[in-house]
PDB file of N, CA and C in Angstrom:
ATOM      1  N   UNK A   1     118.659 115.971  80.592  1.00  0.00           N
ATOM      2  CA  UNK A   1     118.427 114.570  80.838  1.00  0.00           C
ATOM      3  C   UNK A   1     117.188 114.426  81.718  1.00  0.00           C
ATOM      4  N   UNK A   2     116.321 113.497  81.375  1.00  0.00           N
ATOM      5  CA  UNK A   2     115.092 113.266  82.139  1.00  0.00           C
ATOM      6  C   UNK A   2     115.389 112.333  83.306  1.00  0.00           C
ATOM      7  N   UNK A   3     114.915 112.718  84.504  1.00  0.00           N
ATOM      8  CA  UNK A   3     115.118 111.895  85.709  1.00  0.00           C
ATOM      9  C   UNK A   3     113.794 111.649  86.377  1.00  0.00           C
ATOM     10  N   UNK A   4     113.631 110.428  86.837  1.00  0.00           N
ATOM     11  CA  UNK A   4     112.471 110.090  87.669  1.00  0.00           C
ATOM     12  C   UNK A   4     112.925 110.332  89.131  1.00  0.00           C
ATOM     13  N   UNK A   5     112.424 111.372  89.723  1.00  0.00           N
ATOM     14  CA  UNK A   5     112.857 111.734  91.078  1.00  0.00           C
ATOM     15  C   UNK A   5     112.376 110.739  92.121  1.00  0.00           C
ATOM     16  N   UNK A   6     111.380 109.927  91.794  1.00  0.00           N
ATOM     17  CA  UNK A   6     110.951 108.883  92.704  1.00  0.00           C
ATOM     18  C   UNK A   6     112.031 107.823  92.849  1.00  0.00           C
ATOM     19  N   UNK A   7     112.758 107.547  91.756  1.00  0.00           N
ATOM     20  CA  UNK A   7     113.862 106.593  91.822  1.00  0.00           C
ATOM     21  C   UNK A   7     114.958 107.109  92.755  1.00  0.00           C
ATOM     22  N   UNK A   8     115.257 108.394  92.668  1.00  0.00           N
ATOM     23  CA  UNK A   8     116.266 108.999  93.544  1.00  0.00           C
ATOM     24  C   UNK A   8     115.815 108.870  95.008  1.00  0.00           C
ATOM     25  N   UNK A   9     114.549 109.154  95.269  1.00  0.00           N
ATOM     26  CA  UNK A   9     114.019 109.120  96.620  1.00  0.00           C
ATOM     27  C   UNK A   9     114.040 107.687  97.154  1.00  0.00           C
ATOM     28  N   UNK A  10     113.656 106.700  96.335  1.00  0.00           N
ATOM     29  CA  UNK A  10     113.675 105.287  96.752  1.00  0.00           C
ATOM     30  C   UNK A  10     115.112 104.885  97.115  1.00  0.00           C
ATOM     31  N   UNK A  11     116.093 105.259  96.305  1.00  0.00           N
ATOM     32  CA  UNK A  11     117.490 104.943  96.598  1.00  0.00           C
ATOM     33  C   UNK A  11     117.931 105.577  97.915  1.00  0.00           C
ATOM     34  N   UNK A  12     117.568 106.845  98.137  1.00  0.00           N
ATOM     35  CA  UNK A  12     117.957 107.534  99.369  1.00  0.00           C
ATOM     36  C   UNK A  12     117.340 106.880 100.595  1.00  0.00           C
ATOM     37  N   UNK A  13     116.042 106.618 100.539  1.00  0.00           N
ATOM     38  CA  UNK A  13     115.357 106.015 101.688  1.00  0.00           C
ATOM     39  C   UNK A  13     115.885 104.616 101.949  1.00  0.00           C
ATOM     40  N   UNK A  14     116.100 103.840 100.887  1.00  0.00           N
ATOM     41  CA  UNK A  14     116.605 102.484 101.081  1.00  0.00           C
ATOM     42  C   UNK A  14     117.977 102.506 101.740  1.00  0.00           C
ATOM     43  N   UNK A  15     118.845 103.413 101.300  1.00  0.00           N
ATOM     44  CA  UNK A  15     120.187 103.504 101.884  1.00  0.00           C
ATOM     45  C   UNK A  15     120.156 103.959 103.334  1.00  0.00           C
ATOM     46  N   UNK A  16     119.165 104.757 103.714  1.00  0.00           N
ATOM     47  CA  UNK A  16     119.033 105.200 105.089  1.00  0.00           C
ATOM     48  C   UNK A  16     118.622 104.063 106.012  1.00  0.00           C
ATOM     49  N   UNK A  17     117.811 103.125 105.522  1.00  0.00           N
ATOM     50  CA  UNK A  17     117.219 102.119 106.412  1.00  0.00           C
ATOM     51  C   UNK A  17     117.737 100.699 106.196  1.00  0.00           C
ATOM     52  N   UNK A  18     118.599 100.484 105.214  1.00  0.00           N
ATOM     53  CA  UNK A  18     118.999  99.124 104.901  1.00  0.00           C
ATOM     54  C   UNK A  18     119.712  98.416 106.041  1.00  0.00           C
ATOM     55  N   UNK A  19     120.408  99.160 106.881  1.00  0.00           N
ATOM     56  CA  UNK A  19     121.138  98.559 108.000  1.00  0.00           C
ATOM     57  C   UNK A  19     120.270  98.409 109.259  1.00  0.00           C
ATOM     58  N   UNK A  20     119.131  99.071 109.275  1.00  0.00           N
ATOM     59  CA  UNK A  20     118.235  99.012 110.427  1.00  0.00           C
ATOM     60  C   UNK A  20     117.362  97.756 110.369  1.00  0.00           C
ATOM     61  N   UNK A  21     116.887  97.440 109.195  1.00  0.00           N
ATOM     62  CA  UNK A  21     115.995  96.295 109.022  1.00  0.00           C
ATOM     63  C   UNK A  21     116.759  95.120 108.465  1.00  0.00           C
ATOM     64  N   UNK A  22     116.305  93.930 108.813  1.00  0.00           N
ATOM     65  CA  UNK A  22     116.980  92.731 108.298  1.00  0.00           C
ATOM     66  C   UNK A  22     116.364  92.354 106.947  1.00  0.00           C
ATOM     67  N   UNK A  23     117.044  92.769 105.885  1.00  0.00           N
ATOM     68  CA  UNK A  23     116.618  92.453 104.548  1.00  0.00           C
ATOM     69  C   UNK A  23     117.726  91.660 103.867  1.00  0.00           C
ATOM     70  N   UNK A  24     117.413  91.078 102.763  1.00  0.00           N
ATOM     71  CA  UNK A  24     118.415  90.355 101.982  1.00  0.00           C
ATOM     72  C   UNK A  24     119.502  91.352 101.567  1.00  0.00           C
ATOM     73  N   UNK A  25     120.711  90.886 101.547  1.00  0.00           N
ATOM     74  CA  UNK A  25     121.803  91.809 101.185  1.00  0.00           C
ATOM     75  C   UNK A  25     122.391  91.544  99.821  1.00  0.00           C
ATOM     76  N   UNK A  26     121.879  90.515  99.117  1.00  0.00           N
ATOM     77  CA  UNK A  26     122.412  90.258  97.773  1.00  0.00           C
ATOM     78  C   UNK A  26     121.909  91.340  96.801  1.00  0.00           C
ATOM     79  N   UNK A  27     122.709  91.619  95.805  1.00  0.00           N
ATOM     80  CA  UNK A  27     122.372  92.679  94.848  1.00  0.00           C
ATOM     81  C   UNK A  27     121.059  92.380  94.099  1.00  0.00           C
ATOM     82  N   UNK A  28     120.822  91.128  93.800  1.00  0.00           N
ATOM     83  CA  UNK A  28     119.586  90.736  93.122  1.00  0.00           C
ATOM     84  C   UNK A  28     118.369  91.108  93.924  1.00  0.00           C
ATOM     85  N   UNK A  29     118.391  90.778  95.220  1.00  0.00           N
ATOM     86  CA  UNK A  29     117.233  91.082  96.094  1.00  0.00           C
ATOM     87  C   UNK A  29     117.066  92.589  96.280  1.00  0.00           C
ATOM     88  N   UNK A  30     118.180  93.296  96.428  1.00  0.00           N
ATOM     89  CA  UNK A  30     118.104  94.741  96.581  1.00  0.00           C
ATOM     90  C   UNK A  30     117.451  95.361  95.347  1.00  0.00           C
ATOM     91  N   UNK A  31     117.862  94.923  94.169  1.00  0.00           N
ATOM     92  CA  UNK A  31     117.266  95.423  92.927  1.00  0.00           C
ATOM     93  C   UNK A  31     115.775  95.078  92.858  1.00  0.00           C
ATOM     94  N   UNK A  32     115.432  93.872  93.263  1.00  0.00           N
ATOM     95  CA  UNK A  32     114.026  93.475  93.229  1.00  0.00           C
ATOM     96  C   UNK A  32     113.178  94.274  94.209  1.00  0.00           C
ATOM     97  N   UNK A  33     113.726  94.554  95.390  1.00  0.00           N
ATOM     98  CA  UNK A  33     113.005  95.363  96.389  1.00  0.00           C
ATOM     99  C   UNK A  33     112.743  96.762  95.831  1.00  0.00           C
ATOM    100  N   UNK A  34     113.770  97.377  95.294  1.00  0.00           N
ATOM    101  CA  UNK A  34     113.618  98.739  94.758  1.00  0.00           C
ATOM    102  C   UNK A  34     112.658  98.727  93.543  1.00  0.00           C
ATOM    103  N   UNK A  35     112.771  97.756  92.698  1.00  0.00           N
ATOM    104  CA  UNK A  35     111.900  97.679  91.512  1.00  0.00           C
ATOM    105  C   UNK A  35     110.443  97.513  91.897  1.00  0.00           C
ATOM    106  N   UNK A  36     110.207  96.629  92.858  1.00  0.00           N
ATOM    107  CA  UNK A  36     108.821  96.377  93.297  1.00  0.00           C
ATOM    108  C   UNK A  36     108.252  97.609  93.968  1.00  0.00           C
ATOM    109  N   UNK A  37     109.042  98.295  94.774  1.00  0.00           N
ATOM    110  CA  UNK A  37     108.589  99.534  95.393  1.00  0.00           C
ATOM    111  C   UNK A  37     108.262 100.582  94.365  1.00  0.00           C
ATOM    112  N   UNK A  38     109.124 100.752  93.385  1.00  0.00           N
ATOM    113  CA  UNK A  38     108.909 101.750  92.320  1.00  0.00           C
ATOM    114  C   UNK A  38     107.692 101.422  91.472  1.00  0.00           C
ATOM    115  N   UNK A  39     107.397 100.156  91.316  1.00  0.00           N
ATOM    116  CA  UNK A  39     106.210  99.776  90.560  1.00  0.00           C
ATOM    117  C   UNK A  39     104.939 100.228  91.262  1.00  0.00           C
ATOM    118  N   UNK A  40     105.001 100.310  92.587  1.00  0.00           N
ATOM    119  CA  UNK A  40     103.832 100.696  93.374  1.00  0.00           C
ATOM    120  C   UNK A  40     103.831 102.169  93.796  1.00  0.00           C
ATOM    121  N   UNK A  41     104.747 102.946  93.246  1.00  0.00           N
ATOM    122  CA  UNK A  41     104.818 104.378  93.504  1.00  0.00           C
ATOM    123  C   UNK A  41     104.687 105.130  92.199  1.00  0.00           C
ATOM    124  N   UNK A  42     104.117 106.341  92.219  1.00  0.00           N
ATOM    125  CA  UNK A  42     103.983 107.087  90.971  1.00  0.00           C
ATOM    126  C   UNK A  42     105.297 107.683  90.523  1.00  0.00           C
ATOM    127  N   UNK A  43     105.608 107.680  89.236  1.00  0.00           N
ATOM    128  CA  UNK A  43     106.825 108.360  88.785  1.00  0.00           C
ATOM    129  C   UNK A  43     106.671 109.873  88.904  1.00  0.00           C
ATOM    130  N   UNK A  44     107.767 110.555  89.145  1.00  0.00           N
ATOM    131  CA  UNK A  44     107.707 112.011  89.308  1.00  0.00           C
ATOM    132  C   UNK A  44     108.821 112.635  88.449  1.00  0.00           C
ATOM    133  N   UNK A  45     108.388 113.467  87.513  1.00  0.00           N
ATOM    134  CA  UNK A  45     109.302 114.200  86.654  1.00  0.00           C
ATOM    135  C   UNK A  45     109.011 115.677  86.790  1.00  0.00           C
ATOM    136  N   UNK A  46     110.041 116.495  86.677  1.00  0.00           N
ATOM    137  CA  UNK A  46     109.880 117.917  86.788  1.00  0.00           C
ATOM    138  C   UNK A  46     110.106 118.605  85.427  1.00  0.00           C
ATOM    139  N   UNK A  47     109.359 119.657  85.156  1.00  0.00           N
ATOM    140  CA  UNK A  47     109.551 120.433  83.951  1.00  0.00           C
ATOM    141  C   UNK A  47     110.865 121.183  84.021  1.00  0.00           C
ATOM    142  N   UNK A  48     111.363 121.588  82.873  1.00  0.00           N
ATOM    143  CA  UNK A  48     112.671 122.241  82.807  1.00  0.00           C
ATOM    144  C   UNK A  48     112.699 123.582  83.520  1.00  0.00           C
ATOM    145  N   UNK A  49     111.534 124.223  83.706  1.00  0.00           N
ATOM    146  CA  UNK A  49     111.503 125.540  84.346  1.00  0.00           C
ATOM    147  C   UNK A  49     111.422 125.462  85.881  1.00  0.00           C
ATOM    148  N   UNK A  50     111.394 124.266  86.444  1.00  0.00           N
ATOM    149  CA  UNK A  50     111.330 124.103  87.899  1.00  0.00           C
ATOM    150  C   UNK A  50     112.719 124.269  88.471  1.00  0.00           C
ATOM    151  N   UNK A  51     112.841 125.052  89.525  1.00  0.00           N
ATOM    152  CA  UNK A  51     114.180 125.298  90.089  1.00  0.00           C
ATOM    153  C   UNK A  51     114.597 124.159  91.025  1.00  0.00           C
ATOM    154  N   UNK A  52     115.869 124.142  91.362  1.00  0.00           N
ATOM    155  CA  UNK A  52     116.444 123.084  92.203  1.00  0.00           C
ATOM    156  C   UNK A  52     115.811 123.026  93.578  1.00  0.00           C
ATOM    157  N   UNK A  53     115.340 124.159  94.074  1.00  0.00           N
ATOM    158  CA  UNK A  53     114.703 124.193  95.381  1.00  0.00           C
ATOM    159  C   UNK A  53     113.457 123.335  95.456  1.00  0.00           C
ATOM    160  N   UNK A  54     112.668 123.364  94.401  1.00  0.00           N
ATOM    161  CA  UNK A  54     111.439 122.555  94.370  1.00  0.00           C
ATOM    162  C   UNK A  54     111.773 121.075  94.283  1.00  0.00           C
ATOM    163  N   UNK A  55     112.797 120.748  93.539  1.00  0.00           N
ATOM    164  CA  UNK A  55     113.234 119.351  93.427  1.00  0.00           C
ATOM    165  C   UNK A  55     113.761 118.849  94.774  1.00  0.00           C
ATOM    166  N   UNK A  56     114.509 119.668  95.459  1.00  0.00           N
ATOM    167  CA  UNK A  56     115.037 119.322  96.776  1.00  0.00           C
ATOM    168  C   UNK A  56     113.898 119.181  97.780  1.00  0.00           C
ATOM    169  N   UNK A  57     112.907 120.054  97.697  1.00  0.00           N
ATOM    170  CA  UNK A  57     111.751 119.976  98.601  1.00  0.00           C
ATOM    171  C   UNK A  57     111.018 118.655  98.390  1.00  0.00           C
ATOM    172  N   UNK A  58     110.917 118.203  97.156  1.00  0.00           N
ATOM    173  CA  UNK A  58     110.295 116.922  96.879  1.00  0.00           C
ATOM    174  C   UNK A  58     111.038 115.795  97.589  1.00  0.00           C
ATOM    175  N   UNK A  59     112.361 115.825  97.504  1.00  0.00           N
ATOM    176  CA  UNK A  59     113.182 114.765  98.097  1.00  0.00           C
ATOM    177  C   UNK A  59     113.196 114.808  99.621  1.00  0.00           C
ATOM    178  N   UNK A  60     112.916 115.961 100.188  1.00  0.00           N
ATOM    179  CA  UNK A  60     112.975 116.104 101.654  1.00  0.00           C
ATOM    180  C   UNK A  60     111.608 116.009 102.335  1.00  0.00           C
ATOM    181  N   UNK A  61     110.538 115.903 101.538  1.00  0.00           N
ATOM    182  CA  UNK A  61     109.203 115.855 102.114  1.00  0.00           C
ATOM    183  C   UNK A  61     109.031 114.647 103.010  1.00  0.00           C
ATOM    184  N   UNK A  62     108.744 114.885 104.277  1.00  0.00           N
ATOM    185  CA  UNK A  62     108.664 113.822 105.273  1.00  0.00           C
ATOM    186  C   UNK A  62     107.576 112.801 104.995  1.00  0.00           C
ATOM    187  N   UNK A  63     106.404 113.261 104.632  1.00  0.00           N
ATOM    188  CA  UNK A  63     105.303 112.359 104.359  1.00  0.00           C
ATOM    189  C   UNK A  63     105.606 111.457 103.159  1.00  0.00           C
ATOM    190  N   UNK A  64     106.214 112.050 102.158  1.00  0.00           N
ATOM    191  CA  UNK A  64     106.572 111.274 100.967  1.00  0.00           C
ATOM    192  C   UNK A  64     107.590 110.202 101.314  1.00  0.00           C
ATOM    193  N   UNK A  65     108.564 110.556 102.165  1.00  0.00           N
ATOM    194  CA  UNK A  65     109.558 109.567 102.596  1.00  0.00           C
ATOM    195  C   UNK A  65     108.914 108.422 103.371  1.00  0.00           C
ATOM    196  N   UNK A  66     107.916 108.738 104.184  1.00  0.00           N
ATOM    197  CA  UNK A  66     107.194 107.692 104.928  1.00  0.00           C
ATOM    198  C   UNK A  66     106.455 106.762 103.959  1.00  0.00           C
ATOM    199  N   UNK A  67     105.853 107.334 102.936  1.00  0.00           N
ATOM    200  CA  UNK A  67     105.150 106.522 101.922  1.00  0.00           C
ATOM    201  C   UNK A  67     106.120 105.618 101.190  1.00  0.00           C
ATOM    202  N   UNK A  68     107.279 106.145 100.849  1.00  0.00           N
ATOM    203  CA  UNK A  68     108.322 105.347 100.169  1.00  0.00           C
ATOM    204  C   UNK A  68     108.808 104.232 101.101  1.00  0.00           C
ATOM    205  N   UNK A  69     108.995 104.548 102.340  1.00  0.00           N
ATOM    206  CA  UNK A  69     109.443 103.559 103.338  1.00  0.00           C
ATOM    207  C   UNK A  69     108.432 102.433 103.448  1.00  0.00           C
ATOM    208  N   UNK A  70     107.157 102.762 103.460  1.00  0.00           N
ATOM    209  CA  UNK A  70     106.101 101.761 103.555  1.00  0.00           C
ATOM    210  C   UNK A  70     106.146 100.840 102.334  1.00  0.00           C
ATOM    211  N   UNK A  71     106.312 101.393 101.135  1.00  0.00           N
ATOM    212  CA  UNK A  71     106.378 100.565  99.933  1.00  0.00           C
ATOM    213  C   UNK A  71     107.651  99.710  99.900  1.00  0.00           C
ATOM    214  N   UNK A  72     108.763 100.260 100.418  1.00  0.00           N
ATOM    215  CA  UNK A  72     109.984  99.474 100.502  1.00  0.00           C
ATOM    216  C   UNK A  72     109.822  98.315 101.475  1.00  0.00           C
ATOM    217  N   UNK A  73     109.153  98.558 102.594  1.00  0.00           N
ATOM    218  CA  UNK A  73     108.939  97.503 103.585  1.00  0.00           C
ATOM    219  C   UNK A  73     108.053  96.379 103.009  1.00  0.00           C
ATOM    220  N   UNK A  74     106.995  96.757 102.303  1.00  0.00           N
ATOM    221  CA  UNK A  74     106.140  95.745 101.664  1.00  0.00           C
ATOM    222  C   UNK A  74     106.939  94.928 100.635  1.00  0.00           C
ATOM    223  N   UNK A  75     107.733  95.630  99.846  1.00  0.00           N
ATOM    224  CA  UNK A  75     108.519  94.934  98.829  1.00  0.00           C
ATOM    225  C   UNK A  75     109.558  94.022  99.454  1.00  0.00           C
ATOM    226  N   UNK A  76     110.200  94.490 100.508  1.00  0.00           N
ATOM    227  CA  UNK A  76     111.222  93.663 101.191  1.00  0.00           C
ATOM    228  C   UNK A  76     110.598  92.431 101.793  1.00  0.00           C
ATOM    229  N   UNK A  77     109.442  92.574 102.368  1.00  0.00           N
ATOM    230  CA  UNK A  77     108.754  91.403 102.968  1.00  0.00           C
ATOM    231  C   UNK A  77     108.483  90.347 101.898  1.00  0.00           C
ATOM    232  N   UNK A  78     107.993  90.781 100.739  1.00  0.00           N
ATOM    233  CA  UNK A  78     107.696  89.832  99.662  1.00  0.00           C
ATOM    234  C   UNK A  78     108.977  89.212  99.109  1.00  0.00           C
ATOM    235  N   UNK A  79     109.944  90.033  98.772  1.00  0.00           N
ATOM    236  CA  UNK A  79     111.169  89.543  98.135  1.00  0.00           C
ATOM    237  C   UNK A  79     111.947  88.643  99.091  1.00  0.00           C
ATOM    238  N   UNK A  80     112.146  89.084 100.334  1.00  0.00           N
ATOM    239  CA  UNK A  80     112.975  88.317 101.273  1.00  0.00           C
ATOM    240  C   UNK A  80     112.279  87.048 101.737  1.00  0.00           C
ATOM    241  N   UNK A  81     110.977  87.017 101.710  1.00  0.00           N
ATOM    242  CA  UNK A  81     110.283  85.782 102.096  1.00  0.00           C
ATOM    243  C   UNK A  81     110.481  84.673 101.075  1.00  0.00           C
ATOM    244  N   UNK A  82     110.790  85.037  99.845  1.00  0.00           N
ATOM    245  CA  UNK A  82     110.973  84.052  98.782  1.00  0.00           C
ATOM    246  C   UNK A  82     112.438  83.902  98.359  1.00  0.00           C
ATOM    247  N   UNK A  83     113.329  84.539  99.073  1.00  0.00           N
ATOM    248  CA  UNK A  83     114.748  84.521  98.696  1.00  0.00           C
ATOM    249  C   UNK A  83     115.444  83.301  99.262  1.00  0.00           C
ATOM    250  N   UNK A  84     116.257  82.715  98.420  1.00  0.00           N
ATOM    251  CA  UNK A  84     117.202  81.698  98.911  1.00  0.00           C
ATOM    252  C   UNK A  84     118.419  81.783  98.011  1.00  0.00           C
ATOM    253  N   UNK A  85     119.515  81.247  98.440  1.00  0.00           N
ATOM    254  CA  UNK A  85     120.733  81.390  97.645  1.00  0.00           C
ATOM    255  C   UNK A  85     120.630  80.639  96.301  1.00  0.00           C
ATOM    256  N   UNK A  86     119.795  79.630  96.223  1.00  0.00           N
ATOM    257  CA  UNK A  86     119.679  78.839  95.008  1.00  0.00           C
ATOM    258  C   UNK A  86     118.622  79.352  94.039  1.00  0.00           C
ATOM    259  N   UNK A  87     117.697  80.181  94.503  1.00  0.00           N
ATOM    260  CA  UNK A  87     116.623  80.671  93.656  1.00  0.00           C
ATOM    261  C   UNK A  87     116.732  82.157  93.436  1.00  0.00           C
ATOM    262  N   UNK A  88     116.249  82.600  92.323  1.00  0.00           N
ATOM    263  CA  UNK A  88     116.195  84.033  92.012  1.00  0.00           C
ATOM    264  C   UNK A  88     114.745  84.473  92.112  1.00  0.00           C
ATOM    265  N   UNK A  89     114.511  85.655  92.612  1.00  0.00           N
ATOM    266  CA  UNK A  89     113.165  86.166  92.768  1.00  0.00           C
ATOM    267  C   UNK A  89     112.401  86.167  91.423  1.00  0.00           C
ATOM    268  N   UNK A  90     113.071  86.556  90.380  1.00  0.00           N
ATOM    269  CA  UNK A  90     112.398  86.639  89.074  1.00  0.00           C
ATOM    270  C   UNK A  90     111.912  85.278  88.612  1.00  0.00           C
ATOM    271  N   UNK A  91     112.619  84.215  88.960  1.00  0.00           N
ATOM    272  CA  UNK A  91     112.183  82.866  88.596  1.00  0.00           C
ATOM    273  C   UNK A  91     110.947  82.458  89.385  1.00  0.00           C
ATOM    274  N   UNK A  92     110.842  82.907  90.619  1.00  0.00           N
ATOM    275  CA  UNK A  92     109.698  82.559  91.471  1.00  0.00           C
ATOM    276  C   UNK A  92     108.454  83.268  90.984  1.00  0.00           C
ATOM    277  N   UNK A  93     108.569  84.521  90.606  1.00  0.00           N
ATOM    278  CA  UNK A  93     107.412  85.277  90.147  1.00  0.00           C
ATOM    279  C   UNK A  93     107.013  84.735  88.802  1.00  0.00           C
TER     280      UNK A  93
END
C-alpha cells in the first residue's frame, strides 16, 4: 500500500500541539487545517526497498517537524480566523 509519510507526520505533529494552541476544535476546521498544511508541504513516498528505520528517521527528524509545525500554524491562523459555527471554511474560500 502506498503511503504519503508527510500525512502521517502532519497528523502526529497536529496531535502533539492541538491542546497547546487555541485552534478551532470542530472536525471540519481540523480537516481544513491539515489539508491546507499538506497542500503547502511536499508529499513524501518511500520505495519498497527502504527499511523501516529510514521511514522512522523521516518521522522523527526535528527540523522537518518544525517545518510541519510552521505550516500547521499558518493554516490554523487562516482557517480559524474565518471560522464560525454558521459558516464552513470551504464556502468562504
